[in-house]
Amino acid sequence: AKSDNNACYLLISLLTITALQNYAASIGLNSYNAEENKIKPSEVSQLLYKLYIGELINKDHTQFLLANMRQDLEEVQFIRKYIDPTITVFHKAGWLDDRAHDTAIIELTERTYNLVIFTKTKYGDYDFDRGQQLFSNITQVVHGLMSTP
């Protein structure tokens, strides 16, 4: 499965902005703006949690989606790049000219946690080298804290 901006635009046109907005509200994602494709990172974390525990779609569809999120198909790595490859990570990254985001569910032996990082430039094009440093720093600090029993 490939996810890109064209796939996103096609999905939005098929489902409609109104249907997406209504669905988001029905599952408690009140900050979601379907027309502008904006949402608070905290609500993305809620969405990941609900997906992971099987609250959003049936078991087979949940397993299918998580299996796709476990694959590292993105050509640019963000959170996943900084987690030991033996640890299961389900994630979805995305980027545009002025931003890079990644959302992840990280399974540890003693706990599972979500990490959502949104980055954006104030002006001009996104500096991916600087962005990678931010993703590295944030991921390593949070993962270190969450990995401590």
Protein backbone atom coordinates (compact mmCIF):
# COMPACT_ATOMS: atom_id res chain seq x y z
CA ALA A 1 0.00 0.00 0.00
CA LYS A 2 1.34 3.39 -0.95
CA SER A 3 0.32 6.59 0.73
CA ASP A 4 0.99 9.92 -0.90
CA ASN A 5 -0.67 13.28 -1.45
CA ASN A 6 -2.49 12.07 -4.59
CA ALA A 7 -3.95 9.13 -2.67
CA CYS A 8 -5.01 11.49 0.10
CA TYR A 9 -6.75 13.88 -2.31
CA LEU A 10 -8.52 10.98 -4.01
CA LEU A 11 -9.69 9.59 -0.68
CA ILE A 12 -10.99 13.00 0.41
CA SER A 13 -12.89 13.43 -2.85
CA LEU A 14 -14.45 9.96 -2.54
CA LEU A 15 -15.43 10.31 1.11
CA THR A 16 -16.22 14.07 1.06
CA ILE A 17 -15.02 16.68 3.49
CA THR A 18 -18.36 16.66 5.31
CA ALA A 19 -18.25 12.89 5.91
CA LEU A 20 -14.64 13.08 7.15
CA GLN A 21 -15.49 15.97 9.48
CA ASN A 22 -18.54 14.13 10.84
CA TYR A 23 -16.60 10.91 11.39
CA ALA A 24 -13.79 12.72 13.21
CA ALA A 25 -16.30 14.41 15.50
CA SER A 26 -18.04 11.08 16.16
CA ILE A 27 -14.81 9.58 17.52
CA GLY A 28 -13.87 12.65 19.57
CA LEU A 29 -11.41 14.38 17.26
CA ASN A 30 -12.80 17.87 17.77
CA SER A 31 -9.81 19.83 16.48
CA TYR A 32 -9.84 18.10 13.09
CA ASN A 33 -10.50 20.43 10.17
CA ALA A 34 -11.13 18.26 7.11
CA GLU A 35 -11.12 21.16 4.68
CA GLU A 36 -7.68 22.37 5.78
CA ASN A 37 -6.44 18.88 6.75
CA LYS A 38 -5.39 20.06 10.21
CA ILE A 39 -5.53 18.35 13.58
CA LYS A 40 -3.85 18.69 16.98
CA PRO A 41 -1.02 16.21 17.62
CA SER A 42 -2.73 15.15 20.87
CA GLU A 43 -5.78 14.08 18.89
CA VAL A 44 -3.62 12.12 16.45
CA SER A 45 -2.31 10.28 19.50
CA GLN A 46 -5.92 9.54 20.53
CA LEU A 47 -6.62 8.26 17.02
CA LEU A 48 -3.57 5.97 17.12
CA TYR A 49 -4.65 4.60 20.51
CA LYS A 50 -8.19 3.90 19.32
CA LEU A 51 -6.85 2.22 16.20
CA TYR A 52 -4.37 0.10 18.15
CA ILE A 53 -6.95 -1.20 20.65
CA GLY A 54 -9.38 -2.03 17.83
CA GLU A 55 -11.96 0.61 18.62
CA LEU A 56 -12.24 2.10 15.10
CA ILE A 57 -12.54 -0.76 12.62
CA ASN A 58 -12.96 -4.53 12.76
CA LYS A 59 -10.11 -6.81 13.79
CA ASP A 60 -9.09 -7.89 10.25
CA HIS A 61 -9.01 -4.30 8.98
CA THR A 62 -7.11 -3.16 12.08
CA GLN A 63 -4.48 -5.86 11.54
CA PHE A 64 -4.22 -4.97 7.84
CA LEU A 65 -3.75 -1.27 8.57
CA LEU A 66 -1.20 -1.88 11.32
CA ALA A 67 0.72 -4.28 9.06
CA ASN A 68 0.96 -1.53 6.47
CA MET A 69 2.02 0.99 9.11
CA ARG A 70 4.76 -1.42 10.22
CA GLN A 71 6.38 -1.46 6.78
CA ASP A 72 9.06 1.14 6.17
CA LEU A 73 8.07 2.27 2.70
CA GLU A 74 8.78 5.97 3.13
CA GLU A 75 11.93 7.12 1.39
CA VAL A 76 12.61 9.52 4.27
CA GLN A 77 12.64 8.13 7.81
CA PHE A 78 11.74 10.16 10.87
CA ILE A 79 10.76 8.48 14.17
CA ARG A 80 11.43 4.91 12.97
CA LYS A 81 15.01 5.76 12.10
CA TYR A 82 15.84 6.38 15.76
CA ILE A 83 14.23 3.28 17.32
CA ASP A 84 16.05 -0.06 17.56
CA PRO A 85 14.99 -2.14 14.52
CA THR A 86 14.08 -5.08 16.77
CA ILE A 87 11.28 -3.02 18.35
CA THR A 88 7.90 -3.04 16.62
CA VAL A 89 6.91 0.40 15.38
CA PHE A 90 3.71 1.23 13.49
CA HIS A 91 4.02 4.66 11.93
CA LYS A 92 2.86 7.04 9.27
CA ALA A 93 5.13 9.83 8.10
CA GLY A 94 4.29 12.68 5.78
CA TRP A 95 5.95 15.78 4.44
CA LEU A 96 5.44 18.77 2.17
CA ASP A 97 7.76 21.55 1.10
CA ASP A 98 7.40 23.32 4.46
CA ARG A 99 6.81 20.49 6.95
CA ALA A 100 7.52 16.96 8.10
CA HIS A 101 5.42 14.89 10.48
CA ASP A 102 5.53 11.38 11.85
CA THR A 103 3.15 9.48 14.11
CA ALA A 104 4.08 6.19 15.74
CA ILE A 105 2.84 3.43 17.99
CA ILE A 106 5.89 1.88 19.66
CA GLU A 107 5.59 -1.56 21.30
CA LEU A 108 7.93 -2.22 24.19
CA THR A 109 7.91 -5.34 26.34
CA GLU A 110 6.56 -3.49 29.36
CA ARG A 111 4.37 -0.87 27.60
CA THR A 112 3.19 0.50 24.31
CA TYR A 113 3.21 4.24 23.70
CA ASN A 114 2.41 6.76 20.97
CA LEU A 115 4.79 9.42 19.74
CA VAL A 116 3.48 12.19 17.48
CA ILE A 117 5.88 14.81 16.13
CA PHE A 118 4.77 17.64 13.83
CA THR A 119 7.41 20.06 12.52
CA LYS A 120 7.01 23.03 10.20
CA THR A 121 9.08 25.94 8.99
CA LYS A 122 7.86 29.43 9.67
CA TYR A 123 9.06 30.70 6.29
CA GLY A 124 10.37 29.00 3.16
CA ASP A 125 11.25 25.40 2.45
CA TYR A 126 11.71 22.76 5.13
CA ASP A 127 15.30 22.00 6.12
CA PHE A 128 15.27 18.19 6.27
CA ASP A 129 18.74 18.03 7.85
CA ARG A 130 17.61 20.27 10.71
CA GLY A 131 14.33 18.36 10.87
CA GLN A 132 16.14 15.04 11.19
CA GLN A 133 18.06 16.47 14.15
CA LEU A 134 14.77 17.47 15.82
CA PHE A 135 13.25 14.03 15.19
CA SER A 136 16.42 12.38 16.49
CA ASN A 137 16.55 14.45 19.67
CA ILE A 138 12.84 14.17 20.50
CA THR A 139 12.59 10.47 19.67
CA GLN A 140 15.70 9.50 21.63
CA VAL A 141 14.66 11.47 24.73
CA VAL A 142 11.06 10.23 24.76
CA HIS A 143 12.04 6.66 23.90
CA GLY A 144 14.69 6.68 26.61
CA LEU A 145 12.11 7.80 29.18
CA MET A 146 9.49 5.31 28.02
CA SER A 147 12.01 2.44 27.93
CA THR A 148 12.96 2.93 31.56
CA PRO A 149 11.01 0.47 33.75
